Amino acid sequence: MPLVHASAWLATGLVGLPVLFAAALSAVAAGLSALLTLLALPHLLLGRPTGLGDACAAVWALPRSIVPGHLAALRRVRRPGLWGAAAGFVAGTVAFVAVHGFAPAAA
């Protein structure tokens, strides 16, 4: 069971957290976009420029940059054997659990 936990933490750290962080920031950006739209609505209806479009674009730039930045950081790892070891560990743990299940070893 410790190997299952370790592989789950490995997958969570390398894949889950950056994707969930980007999703959370996207939700915040959507809320801020709605708020900025409500604030700018009177001026937009009167045809006046608001300048809030730049703020909205800056807010959406944050979640758009997380996953590509994370992938770029992962590509900068100089020893590709580390990726093979991490992927092999997760794949081996999944294969072992698929064959033997979660039951403890018989004594």
PDB file of N, CA and C in Angstrom:
ATOM      1  N   MET A   1       0.805  -1.202   0.000  1.00  0.00           N
ATOM      2  CA  MET A   1       0.000   0.000   0.000  1.00  0.00           C
ATOM      3  C   MET A   1       0.854   1.276   0.000  1.00  0.00           C
ATOM      4  N   PRO A   2       2.028   1.285   0.630  1.00  0.00           N
ATOM      5  CA  PRO A   2       2.842   2.508   0.549  1.00  0.00           C
ATOM      6  C   PRO A   2       3.252   2.852  -0.881  1.00  0.00           C
ATOM      7  N   LEU A   3       3.445   1.857  -1.736  1.00  0.00           N
ATOM      8  CA  LEU A   3       3.803   2.132  -3.123  1.00  0.00           C
ATOM      9  C   LEU A   3       2.631   2.758  -3.875  1.00  0.00           C
ATOM     10  N   VAL A   4       1.419   2.321  -3.550  1.00  0.00           N
ATOM     11  CA  VAL A   4       0.234   2.917  -4.174  1.00  0.00           C
ATOM     12  C   VAL A   4       0.116   4.370  -3.749  1.00  0.00           C
ATOM     13  N   HIS A   5       0.355   4.644  -2.481  1.00  0.00           N
ATOM     14  CA  HIS A   5       0.297   6.022  -1.994  1.00  0.00           C
ATOM     15  C   HIS A   5       1.377   6.871  -2.656  1.00  0.00           C
ATOM     16  N   ALA A   6       2.578   6.329  -2.765  1.00  0.00           N
ATOM     17  CA  ALA A   6       3.669   7.087  -3.384  1.00  0.00           C
ATOM     18  C   ALA A   6       3.382   7.385  -4.843  1.00  0.00           C
ATOM     19  N   SER A   7       2.852   6.413  -5.572  1.00  0.00           N
ATOM     20  CA  SER A   7       2.555   6.675  -6.983  1.00  0.00           C
ATOM     21  C   SER A   7       1.383   7.647  -7.129  1.00  0.00           C
ATOM     22  N   ALA A   8       0.431   7.598  -6.218  1.00  0.00           N
ATOM     23  CA  ALA A   8      -0.670   8.562  -6.256  1.00  0.00           C
ATOM     24  C   ALA A   8      -0.163   9.971  -5.979  1.00  0.00           C
ATOM     25  N   TRP A   9       0.739  10.124  -5.012  1.00  0.00           N
ATOM     26  CA  TRP A   9       1.322  11.434  -4.729  1.00  0.00           C
ATOM     27  C   TRP A   9       2.161  11.930  -5.893  1.00  0.00           C
ATOM     28  N   LEU A  10       2.867  11.030  -6.546  1.00  0.00           N
ATOM     29  CA  LEU A  10       3.685  11.398  -7.699  1.00  0.00           C
ATOM     30  C   LEU A  10       2.808  11.906  -8.842  1.00  0.00           C
ATOM     31  N   ALA A  11       1.745  11.175  -9.144  1.00  0.00           N
ATOM     32  CA  ALA A  11       0.839  11.597 -10.209  1.00  0.00           C
ATOM     33  C   ALA A  11       0.104  12.886  -9.831  1.00  0.00           C
ATOM     34  N   THR A  12      -0.260  13.012  -8.578  1.00  0.00           N
ATOM     35  CA  THR A  12      -0.941  14.223  -8.129  1.00  0.00           C
ATOM     36  C   THR A  12      -0.025  15.433  -8.240  1.00  0.00           C
ATOM     37  N   GLY A  13       1.214  15.271  -7.835  1.00  0.00           N
ATOM     38  CA  GLY A  13       2.147  16.396  -7.871  1.00  0.00           C
ATOM     39  C   GLY A  13       2.545  16.816  -9.269  1.00  0.00           C
ATOM     40  N   LEU A  14       2.713  15.850 -10.157  1.00  0.00           N
ATOM     41  CA  LEU A  14       3.183  16.180 -11.505  1.00  0.00           C
ATOM     42  C   LEU A  14       2.064  16.552 -12.459  1.00  0.00           C
ATOM     43  N   VAL A  15       0.860  16.035 -12.238  1.00  0.00           N
ATOM     44  CA  VAL A  15      -0.231  16.276 -13.185  1.00  0.00           C
ATOM     45  C   VAL A  15      -1.402  16.992 -12.512  1.00  0.00           C
ATOM     46  N   GLY A  16      -1.857  16.455 -11.406  1.00  0.00           N
ATOM     47  CA  GLY A  16      -3.093  16.937 -10.792  1.00  0.00           C
ATOM     48  C   GLY A  16      -3.034  18.369 -10.291  1.00  0.00           C
ATOM     49  N   LEU A  17      -1.997  18.702  -9.548  1.00  0.00           N
ATOM     50  CA  LEU A  17      -1.932  20.037  -8.958  1.00  0.00           C
ATOM     51  C   LEU A  17      -1.839  21.156  -9.987  1.00  0.00           C
ATOM     52  N   PRO A  18      -0.988  21.052 -10.995  1.00  0.00           N
ATOM     53  CA  PRO A  18      -0.968  22.148 -11.974  1.00  0.00           C
ATOM     54  C   PRO A  18      -2.288  22.303 -12.730  1.00  0.00           C
ATOM     55  N   VAL A  19      -2.926  21.188 -13.071  1.00  0.00           N
ATOM     56  CA  VAL A  19      -4.194  21.277 -13.797  1.00  0.00           C
ATOM     57  C   VAL A  19      -5.288  21.846 -12.892  1.00  0.00           C
ATOM     58  N   LEU A  20      -5.353  21.394 -11.642  1.00  0.00           N
ATOM     59  CA  LEU A  20      -6.361  21.928 -10.720  1.00  0.00           C
ATOM     60  C   LEU A  20      -6.092  23.391 -10.377  1.00  0.00           C
ATOM     61  N   PHE A  21      -4.821  23.759 -10.279  1.00  0.00           N
ATOM     62  CA  PHE A  21      -4.492  25.154 -10.008  1.00  0.00           C
ATOM     63  C   PHE A  21      -4.929  26.030 -11.172  1.00  0.00           C
ATOM     64  N   ALA A  22      -4.705  25.570 -12.403  1.00  0.00           N
ATOM     65  CA  ALA A  22      -5.156  26.329 -13.581  1.00  0.00           C
ATOM     66  C   ALA A  22      -6.677  26.408 -13.621  1.00  0.00           C
ATOM     67  N   ALA A  23      -7.359  25.321 -13.266  1.00  0.00           N
ATOM     68  CA  ALA A  23      -8.824  25.331 -13.252  1.00  0.00           C
ATOM     69  C   ALA A  23      -9.354  26.297 -12.191  1.00  0.00           C
ATOM     70  N   ALA A  24      -8.729  26.310 -11.022  1.00  0.00           N
ATOM     71  CA  ALA A  24      -9.166  27.228  -9.967  1.00  0.00           C
ATOM     72  C   ALA A  24      -8.944  28.681 -10.374  1.00  0.00           C
ATOM     73  N   LEU A  25      -7.788  28.966 -10.976  1.00  0.00           N
ATOM     74  CA  LEU A  25      -7.554  30.331 -11.427  1.00  0.00           C
ATOM     75  C   LEU A  25      -8.483  30.720 -12.568  1.00  0.00           C
ATOM     76  N   SER A  26      -8.871  29.755 -13.394  1.00  0.00           N
ATOM     77  CA  SER A  26      -9.837  30.038 -14.455  1.00  0.00           C
ATOM     78  C   SER A  26     -11.196  30.395 -13.870  1.00  0.00           C
ATOM     79  N   ALA A  27     -11.590  29.703 -12.809  1.00  0.00           N
ATOM     80  CA  ALA A  27     -12.856  30.030 -12.148  1.00  0.00           C
ATOM     81  C   ALA A  27     -12.811  31.429 -11.545  1.00  0.00           C
ATOM     82  N   VAL A  28     -11.697  31.785 -10.937  1.00  0.00           N
ATOM     83  CA  VAL A  28     -11.550  33.127 -10.382  1.00  0.00           C
ATOM     84  C   VAL A  28     -11.553  34.163 -11.506  1.00  0.00           C
ATOM     85  N   ALA A  29     -10.862  33.845 -12.610  1.00  0.00           N
ATOM     86  CA  ALA A  29     -10.834  34.770 -13.741  1.00  0.00           C
ATOM     87  C   ALA A  29     -12.226  34.950 -14.339  1.00  0.00           C
ATOM     88  N   ALA A  30     -13.012  33.883 -14.376  1.00  0.00           N
ATOM     89  CA  ALA A  30     -14.380  34.000 -14.883  1.00  0.00           C
ATOM     90  C   ALA A  30     -15.213  34.899 -13.974  1.00  0.00           C
ATOM     91  N   GLY A  31     -15.056  34.743 -12.673  1.00  0.00           N
ATOM     92  CA  GLY A  31     -15.768  35.609 -11.731  1.00  0.00           C
ATOM     93  C   GLY A  31     -15.346  37.067 -11.864  1.00  0.00           C
ATOM     94  N   LEU A  32     -14.049  37.291 -11.996  1.00  0.00           N
ATOM     95  CA  LEU A  32     -13.576  38.663 -12.164  1.00  0.00           C
ATOM     96  C   LEU A  32     -14.024  39.248 -13.504  1.00  0.00           C
ATOM     97  N   SER A  33     -14.070  38.414 -14.531  1.00  0.00           N
ATOM     98  CA  SER A  33     -14.547  38.889 -15.830  1.00  0.00           C
ATOM     99  C   SER A  33     -16.012  39.302 -15.746  1.00  0.00           C
ATOM    100  N   ALA A  34     -16.807  38.510 -15.043  1.00  0.00           N
ATOM    101  CA  ALA A  34     -18.218  38.865 -14.872  1.00  0.00           C
ATOM    102  C   ALA A  34     -18.351  40.160 -14.077  1.00  0.00           C
ATOM    103  N   LEU A  35     -17.541  40.301 -13.038  1.00  0.00           N
ATOM    104  CA  LEU A  35     -17.579  41.530 -12.245  1.00  0.00           C
ATOM    105  C   LEU A  35     -17.150  42.731 -13.072  1.00  0.00           C
ATOM    106  N   LEU A  36     -16.075  42.581 -13.844  1.00  0.00           N
ATOM    107  CA  LEU A  36     -15.623  43.688 -14.695  1.00  0.00           C
ATOM    108  C   LEU A  36     -16.656  44.031 -15.764  1.00  0.00           C
ATOM    109  N   THR A  37     -17.337  43.020 -16.273  1.00  0.00           N
ATOM    110  CA  THR A  37     -18.384  43.271 -17.265  1.00  0.00           C
ATOM    111  C   THR A  37     -19.528  44.064 -16.643  1.00  0.00           C
ATOM    112  N   LEU A  38     -19.911  43.694 -15.432  1.00  0.00           N
ATOM    113  CA  LEU A  38     -20.983  44.434 -14.756  1.00  0.00           C
ATOM    114  C   LEU A  38     -20.570  45.868 -14.456  1.00  0.00           C
ATOM    115  N   LEU A  39     -19.310  46.066 -14.080  1.00  0.00           N
ATOM    116  CA  LEU A  39     -18.840  47.420 -13.804  1.00  0.00           C
ATOM    117  C   LEU A  39     -18.761  48.259 -15.072  1.00  0.00           C
ATOM    118  N   ALA A  40     -18.422  47.638 -16.180  1.00  0.00           N
ATOM    119  CA  ALA A  40     -18.247  48.386 -17.433  1.00  0.00           C
ATOM    120  C   ALA A  40     -19.535  48.517 -18.228  1.00  0.00           C
ATOM    121  N   LEU A  41     -20.567  47.800 -17.853  1.00  0.00           N
ATOM    122  CA  LEU A  41     -21.797  47.779 -18.643  1.00  0.00           C
ATOM    123  C   LEU A  41     -22.416  49.165 -18.867  1.00  0.00           C
ATOM    124  N   PRO A  42     -22.536  50.031 -17.868  1.00  0.00           N
ATOM    125  CA  PRO A  42     -23.112  51.359 -18.144  1.00  0.00           C
ATOM    126  C   PRO A  42     -22.311  52.157 -19.172  1.00  0.00           C
ATOM    127  N   HIS A  43     -20.989  52.078 -19.085  1.00  0.00           N
ATOM    128  CA  HIS A  43     -20.158  52.820 -20.031  1.00  0.00           C
ATOM    129  C   HIS A  43     -20.213  52.188 -21.420  1.00  0.00           C
ATOM    130  N   LEU A  44     -20.284  50.858 -21.468  1.00  0.00           N
ATOM    131  CA  LEU A  44     -20.365  50.193 -22.770  1.00  0.00           C
ATOM    132  C   LEU A  44     -21.680  50.500 -23.467  1.00  0.00           C
ATOM    133  N   LEU A  45     -22.765  50.592 -22.705  1.00  0.00           N
ATOM    134  CA  LEU A  45     -24.068  50.911 -23.300  1.00  0.00           C
ATOM    135  C   LEU A  45     -24.113  52.340 -23.836  1.00  0.00           C
ATOM    136  N   LEU A  46     -23.343  53.221 -23.214  1.00  0.00           N
ATOM    137  CA  LEU A  46     -23.290  54.607 -23.680  1.00  0.00           C
ATOM    138  C   LEU A  46     -22.238  54.809 -24.766  1.00  0.00           C
ATOM    139  N   GLY A  47     -21.477  53.770 -25.062  1.00  0.00           N
ATOM    140  CA  GLY A  47     -20.480  53.850 -26.125  1.00  0.00           C
ATOM    141  C   GLY A  47     -19.162  54.461 -25.696  1.00  0.00           C
ATOM    142  N   ARG A  48     -18.920  54.575 -24.418  1.00  0.00           N
ATOM    143  CA  ARG A  48     -17.675  55.150 -23.926  1.00  0.00           C
ATOM    144  C   ARG A  48     -16.647  54.047 -23.693  1.00  0.00           C
ATOM    145  N   PRO A  49     -15.391  54.318 -23.950  1.00  0.00           N
ATOM    146  CA  PRO A  49     -14.357  53.309 -23.659  1.00  0.00           C
ATOM    147  C   PRO A  49     -14.123  53.202 -22.152  1.00  0.00           C
ATOM    148  N   THR A  50     -13.857  51.991 -21.706  1.00  0.00           N
ATOM    149  CA  THR A  50     -13.675  51.766 -20.265  1.00  0.00           C
ATOM    150  C   THR A  50     -12.232  51.452 -19.895  1.00  0.00           C
ATOM    151  N   GLY A  51     -11.515  50.769 -20.747  1.00  0.00           N
ATOM    152  CA  GLY A  51     -10.157  50.364 -20.417  1.00  0.00           C
ATOM    153  C   GLY A  51     -10.110  49.102 -19.570  1.00  0.00           C
ATOM    154  N   LEU A  52     -11.273  48.533 -19.240  1.00  0.00           N
ATOM    155  CA  LEU A  52     -11.297  47.320 -18.431  1.00  0.00           C
ATOM    156  C   LEU A  52     -10.988  46.064 -19.247  1.00  0.00           C
ATOM    157  N   GLY A  53     -10.994  46.179 -20.568  1.00  0.00           N
ATOM    158  CA  GLY A  53     -10.649  45.035 -21.409  1.00  0.00           C
ATOM    159  C   GLY A  53      -9.213  44.598 -21.192  1.00  0.00           C
ATOM    160  N   ASP A  54      -8.314  45.552 -20.967  1.00  0.00           N
ATOM    161  CA  ASP A  54      -6.916  45.210 -20.695  1.00  0.00           C
ATOM    162  C   ASP A  54      -6.790  44.478 -19.363  1.00  0.00           C
ATOM    163  N   ALA A  55      -7.567  44.909 -18.375  1.00  0.00           N
ATOM    164  CA  ALA A  55      -7.539  44.227 -17.078  1.00  0.00           C
ATOM    165  C   ALA A  55      -8.070  42.809 -17.204  1.00  0.00           C
ATOM    166  N   CYS A  56      -9.122  42.640 -17.984  1.00  0.00           N
ATOM    167  CA  CYS A  56      -9.698  41.313 -18.193  1.00  0.00           C
ATOM    168  C   CYS A  56      -8.708  40.407 -18.932  1.00  0.00           C
ATOM    169  N   ALA A  57      -8.013  40.954 -19.918  1.00  0.00           N
ATOM    170  CA  ALA A  57      -7.004  40.167 -20.639  1.00  0.00           C
ATOM    171  C   ALA A  57      -5.854  39.770 -19.719  1.00  0.00           C
ATOM    172  N   ALA A  58      -5.457  40.654 -18.825  1.00  0.00           N
ATOM    173  CA  ALA A  58      -4.384  40.334 -17.882  1.00  0.00           C
ATOM    174  C   ALA A  58      -4.819  39.263 -16.887  1.00  0.00           C
ATOM    175  N   VAL A  59      -6.083  39.311 -16.478  1.00  0.00           N
ATOM    176  CA  VAL A  59      -6.592  38.296 -15.554  1.00  0.00           C
ATOM    177  C   VAL A  59      -6.593  36.920 -16.211  1.00  0.00           C
ATOM    178  N   TRP A  60      -6.984  36.843 -17.491  1.00  0.00           N
ATOM    179  CA  TRP A  60      -7.031  35.547 -18.181  1.00  0.00           C
ATOM    180  C   TRP A  60      -5.647  35.056 -18.587  1.00  0.00           C
ATOM    181  N   ALA A  61      -4.642  35.936 -18.605  1.00  0.00           N
ATOM    182  CA  ALA A  61      -3.281  35.501 -18.942  1.00  0.00           C
ATOM    183  C   ALA A  61      -2.690  34.606 -17.856  1.00  0.00           C
ATOM    184  N   LEU A  62      -3.136  34.775 -16.631  1.00  0.00           N
ATOM    185  CA  LEU A  62      -2.593  33.963 -15.535  1.00  0.00           C
ATOM    186  C   LEU A  62      -2.928  32.480 -15.675  1.00  0.00           C
ATOM    187  N   PRO A  63      -4.199  32.085 -15.777  1.00  0.00           N
ATOM    188  CA  PRO A  63      -4.462  30.645 -15.881  1.00  0.00           C
ATOM    189  C   PRO A  63      -3.994  30.033 -17.199  1.00  0.00           C
ATOM    190  N   ARG A  64      -3.921  30.849 -18.263  1.00  0.00           N
ATOM    191  CA  ARG A  64      -3.449  30.318 -19.537  1.00  0.00           C
ATOM    192  C   ARG A  64      -1.967  29.982 -19.512  1.00  0.00           C
ATOM    193  N   SER A  65      -1.211  30.565 -18.607  1.00  0.00           N
ATOM    194  CA  SER A  65       0.235  30.356 -18.608  1.00  0.00           C
ATOM    195  C   SER A  65       0.687  29.253 -17.659  1.00  0.00           C
ATOM    196  N   ILE A  66      -0.189  28.723 -16.826  1.00  0.00           N
ATOM    197  CA  ILE A  66       0.243  27.752 -15.819  1.00  0.00           C
ATOM    198  C   ILE A  66       0.659  26.430 -16.448  1.00  0.00           C
ATOM    199  N   VAL A  67      -0.216  25.803 -17.212  1.00  0.00           N
ATOM    200  CA  VAL A  67       0.090  24.477 -17.768  1.00  0.00           C
ATOM    201  C   VAL A  67       1.247  24.538 -18.766  1.00  0.00           C
ATOM    202  N   PRO A  68       1.282  25.500 -19.704  1.00  0.00           N
ATOM    203  CA  PRO A  68       2.456  25.549 -20.582  1.00  0.00           C
ATOM    204  C   PRO A  68       3.757  25.827 -19.821  1.00  0.00           C
ATOM    205  N   GLY A  69       3.705  26.661 -18.798  1.00  0.00           N
ATOM    206  CA  GLY A  69       4.899  26.917 -17.994  1.00  0.00           C
ATOM    207  C   GLY A  69       5.353  25.680 -17.238  1.00  0.00           C
ATOM    208  N   HIS A  70       4.387  24.915 -16.736  1.00  0.00           N
ATOM    209  CA  HIS A  70       4.723  23.681 -16.031  1.00  0.00           C
ATOM    210  C   HIS A  70       5.336  22.660 -16.988  1.00  0.00           C
ATOM    211  N   LEU A  71       4.755  22.532 -18.171  1.00  0.00           N
ATOM    212  CA  LEU A  71       5.311  21.602 -19.159  1.00  0.00           C
ATOM    213  C   LEU A  71       6.703  22.025 -19.602  1.00  0.00           C
ATOM    214  N   ALA A  72       6.941  23.318 -19.737  1.00  0.00           N
ATOM    215  CA  ALA A  72       8.275  23.799 -20.093  1.00  0.00           C
ATOM    216  C   ALA A  72       9.273  23.492 -18.982  1.00  0.00           C
ATOM    217  N   ALA A  73       8.845  23.632 -17.742  1.00  0.00           N
ATOM    218  CA  ALA A  73       9.739  23.305 -16.621  1.00  0.00           C
ATOM    219  C   ALA A  73      10.038  21.809 -16.576  1.00  0.00           C
ATOM    220  N   LEU A  74       9.037  20.990 -16.880  1.00  0.00           N
ATOM    221  CA  LEU A  74       9.276  19.550 -16.902  1.00  0.00           C
ATOM    222  C   LEU A  74      10.219  19.159 -18.035  1.00  0.00           C
ATOM    223  N   ARG A  75      10.142  19.849 -19.166  1.00  0.00           N
ATOM    224  CA  ARG A  75      11.027  19.543 -20.295  1.00  0.00           C
ATOM    225  C   ARG A  75      12.462  19.950 -20.029  1.00  0.00           C
ATOM    226  N   ARG A  76      12.683  20.864 -19.089  1.00  0.00           N
ATOM    227  CA  ARG A  76      14.047  21.317 -18.791  1.00  0.00           C
ATOM    228  C   ARG A  76      14.831  20.343 -17.921  1.00  0.00           C
ATOM    229  N   VAL A  77      14.205  19.275 -17.467  1.00  0.00           N
ATOM    230  CA  VAL A  77      14.929  18.286 -16.670  1.00  0.00           C
ATOM    231  C   VAL A  77      15.992  17.650 -17.554  1.00  0.00           C
ATOM    232  N   ARG A  78      17.223  17.664 -17.101  1.00  0.00           N
ATOM    233  CA  ARG A  78      18.341  17.244 -17.929  1.00  0.00           C
ATOM    234  C   ARG A  78      18.540  15.732 -17.970  1.00  0.00           C
ATOM    235  N   ARG A  79      17.992  15.017 -17.029  1.00  0.00           N
ATOM    236  CA  ARG A  79      18.190  13.569 -16.992  1.00  0.00           C
ATOM    237  C   ARG A  79      16.875  12.873 -17.334  1.00  0.00           C
ATOM    238  N   PRO A  80      16.716  12.427 -18.590  1.00  0.00           N
ATOM    239  CA  PRO A  80      15.451  11.803 -18.982  1.00  0.00           C
ATOM    240  C   PRO A  80      15.209  10.468 -18.285  1.00  0.00           C
ATOM    241  N   GLY A  81      16.240   9.872 -17.699  1.00  0.00           N
ATOM    242  CA  GLY A  81      16.047   8.640 -16.943  1.00  0.00           C
ATOM    243  C   GLY A  81      15.130   8.832 -15.744  1.00  0.00           C
ATOM    244  N   LEU A  82      15.078  10.058 -15.236  1.00  0.00           N
ATOM    245  CA  LEU A  82      14.171  10.338 -14.115  1.00  0.00           C
ATOM    246  C   LEU A  82      12.720  10.171 -14.535  1.00  0.00           C
ATOM    247  N   TRP A  83      12.386  10.594 -15.762  1.00  0.00           N
ATOM    248  CA  TRP A  83      11.018  10.429 -16.237  1.00  0.00           C
ATOM    249  C   TRP A  83      10.702   8.961 -16.451  1.00  0.00           C
ATOM    250  N   GLY A  84      11.685   8.210 -16.956  1.00  0.00           N
ATOM    251  CA  GLY A  84      11.473   6.769 -17.122  1.00  0.00           C
ATOM    252  C   GLY A  84      11.271   6.081 -15.784  1.00  0.00           C
ATOM    253  N   ALA A  85      12.053   6.490 -14.783  1.00  0.00           N
ATOM    254  CA  ALA A  85      11.910   5.889 -13.459  1.00  0.00           C
ATOM    255  C   ALA A  85      10.557   6.234 -12.846  1.00  0.00           C
ATOM    256  N   ALA A  86      10.133   7.484 -12.972  1.00  0.00           N
ATOM    257  CA  ALA A  86       8.848   7.891 -12.400  1.00  0.00           C
ATOM    258  C   ALA A  86       7.691   7.207 -13.120  1.00  0.00           C
ATOM    259  N   ALA A  87       7.737   7.197 -14.453  1.00  0.00           N
ATOM    260  CA  ALA A  87       6.663   6.553 -15.215  1.00  0.00           C
ATOM    261  C   ALA A  87       6.666   5.043 -14.996  1.00  0.00           C
ATOM    262  N   GLY A  88       7.845   4.447 -14.933  1.00  0.00           N
ATOM    263  CA  GLY A  88       7.930   3.008 -14.680  1.00  0.00           C
ATOM    264  C   GLY A  88       7.429   2.632 -13.304  1.00  0.00           C
ATOM    265  N   PHE A  89       7.715   3.476 -12.313  1.00  0.00           N
ATOM    266  CA  PHE A  89       7.236   3.218 -10.964  1.00  0.00           C
ATOM    267  C   PHE A  89       5.717   3.230 -10.912  1.00  0.00           C
ATOM    268  N   VAL A  90       5.112   4.245 -11.537  1.00  0.00           N
ATOM    269  CA  VAL A  90       3.650   4.343 -11.539  1.00  0.00           C
ATOM    270  C   VAL A  90       3.051   3.185 -12.345  1.00  0.00           C
ATOM    271  N   ALA A  91       3.612   2.904 -13.519  1.00  0.00           N
ATOM    272  CA  ALA A  91       3.088   1.814 -14.352  1.00  0.00           C
ATOM    273  C   ALA A  91       3.256   0.462 -13.666  1.00  0.00           C
ATOM    274  N   GLY A  92       4.387   0.249 -13.016  1.00  0.00           N
ATOM    275  CA  GLY A  92       4.602  -1.007 -12.293  1.00  0.00           C
ATOM    276  C   GLY A  92       3.646  -1.172 -11.126  1.00  0.00           C
ATOM    277  N   THR A  93       3.397  -0.089 -10.409  1.00  0.00           N
ATOM    278  CA  THR A  93       2.455  -0.146  -9.291  1.00  0.00           C
ATOM    279  C   THR A  93       1.042  -0.433  -9.795  1.00  0.00           C
ATOM    280  N   VAL A  94       0.658   0.206 -10.882  1.00  0.00           N
ATOM    281  CA  VAL A  94      -0.673  -0.036 -11.454  1.00  0.00           C
ATOM    282  C   VAL A  94      -0.788  -1.486 -11.930  1.00  0.00           C
ATOM    283  N   ALA A  95       0.253  -1.989 -12.576  1.00  0.00           N
ATOM    284  CA  ALA A  95       0.221  -3.370 -13.061  1.00  0.00           C
ATOM    285  C   ALA A  95       0.156  -4.355 -11.892  1.00  0.00           C
ATOM    286  N   PHE A  96       0.916  -4.105 -10.828  1.00  0.00           N
ATOM    287  CA  PHE A  96       0.900  -4.986  -9.671  1.00  0.00           C
ATOM    288  C   PHE A  96      -0.477  -5.003  -9.016  1.00  0.00           C
ATOM    289  N   VAL A  97      -1.070  -3.817  -8.869  1.00  0.00           N
ATOM    290  CA  VAL A  97      -2.397  -3.752  -8.247  1.00  0.00           C
ATOM    291  C   VAL A  97      -3.439  -4.402  -9.151  1.00  0.00           C
ATOM    292  N   ALA A  98      -3.283  -4.275 -10.477  1.00  0.00           N
ATOM    293  CA  ALA A  98      -4.224  -4.907 -11.404  1.00  0.00           C
ATOM    294  C   ALA A  98      -4.173  -6.420 -11.306  1.00  0.00           C
ATOM    295  N   VAL A  99      -2.975  -6.963 -11.096  1.00  0.00           N
ATOM    296  CA  VAL A  99      -2.820  -8.423 -11.023  1.00  0.00           C
ATOM    297  C   VAL A  99      -3.181  -8.960  -9.652  1.00  0.00           C
ATOM    298  N   HIS A 100      -2.670  -8.312  -8.601  1.00  0.00           N
ATOM    299  CA  HIS A 100      -2.801  -8.846  -7.244  1.00  0.00           C
ATOM    300  C   HIS A 100      -3.888  -8.177  -6.407  1.00  0.00           C
ATOM    301  N   GLY A 101      -4.364  -7.025  -6.825  1.00  0.00           N
ATOM    302  CA  GLY A 101      -5.372  -6.317  -6.053  1.00  0.00           C
ATOM    303  C   GLY A 101      -4.765  -5.611  -4.845  1.00  0.00           C
ATOM    304  N   PHE A 102      -5.612  -5.093  -3.994  1.00  0.00           N
ATOM    305  CA  PHE A 102      -5.161  -4.356  -2.811  1.00  0.00           C
ATOM    306  C   PHE A 102      -5.022  -5.252  -1.585  1.00  0.00           C
ATOM    307  N   ALA A 103      -5.294  -6.532  -1.726  1.00  0.00           N
ATOM    308  CA  ALA A 103      -5.226  -7.434  -0.580  1.00  0.00           C
ATOM    309  C   ALA A 103      -3.783  -7.570  -0.099  1.00  0.00           C
ATOM    310  N   PRO A 104      -3.565  -7.665   1.208  1.00  0.00           N
ATOM    311  CA  PRO A 104      -2.206  -7.855   1.709  1.00  0.00           C
ATOM    312  C   PRO A 104      -1.662  -9.217   1.302  1.00  0.00           C
ATOM    313  N   ALA A 105      -0.365  -9.299   1.247  1.00  0.00           N
ATOM    314  CA  ALA A 105       0.288 -10.558   0.845  1.00  0.00           C
ATOM    315  C   ALA A 105       0.011 -11.638   1.886  1.00  0.00           C
ATOM    316  N   ALA A 106      -0.238 -12.841   1.408  1.00  0.00           N
ATOM    317  CA  ALA A 106      -0.488 -13.966   2.333  1.00  0.00           C
ATOM    318  C   ALA A 106       0.834 -14.404   2.950  1.00  0.00           C
ATOM    319  N   ALA A 107       0.769 -14.695   4.249  1.00  0.00           N
ATOM    320  CA  ALA A 107       1.991 -15.078   4.955  1.00  0.00           C
ATOM    321  C   ALA A 107       2.313 -16.537   4.770  1.00  0.00           C
TER     322      ALA A 107
END
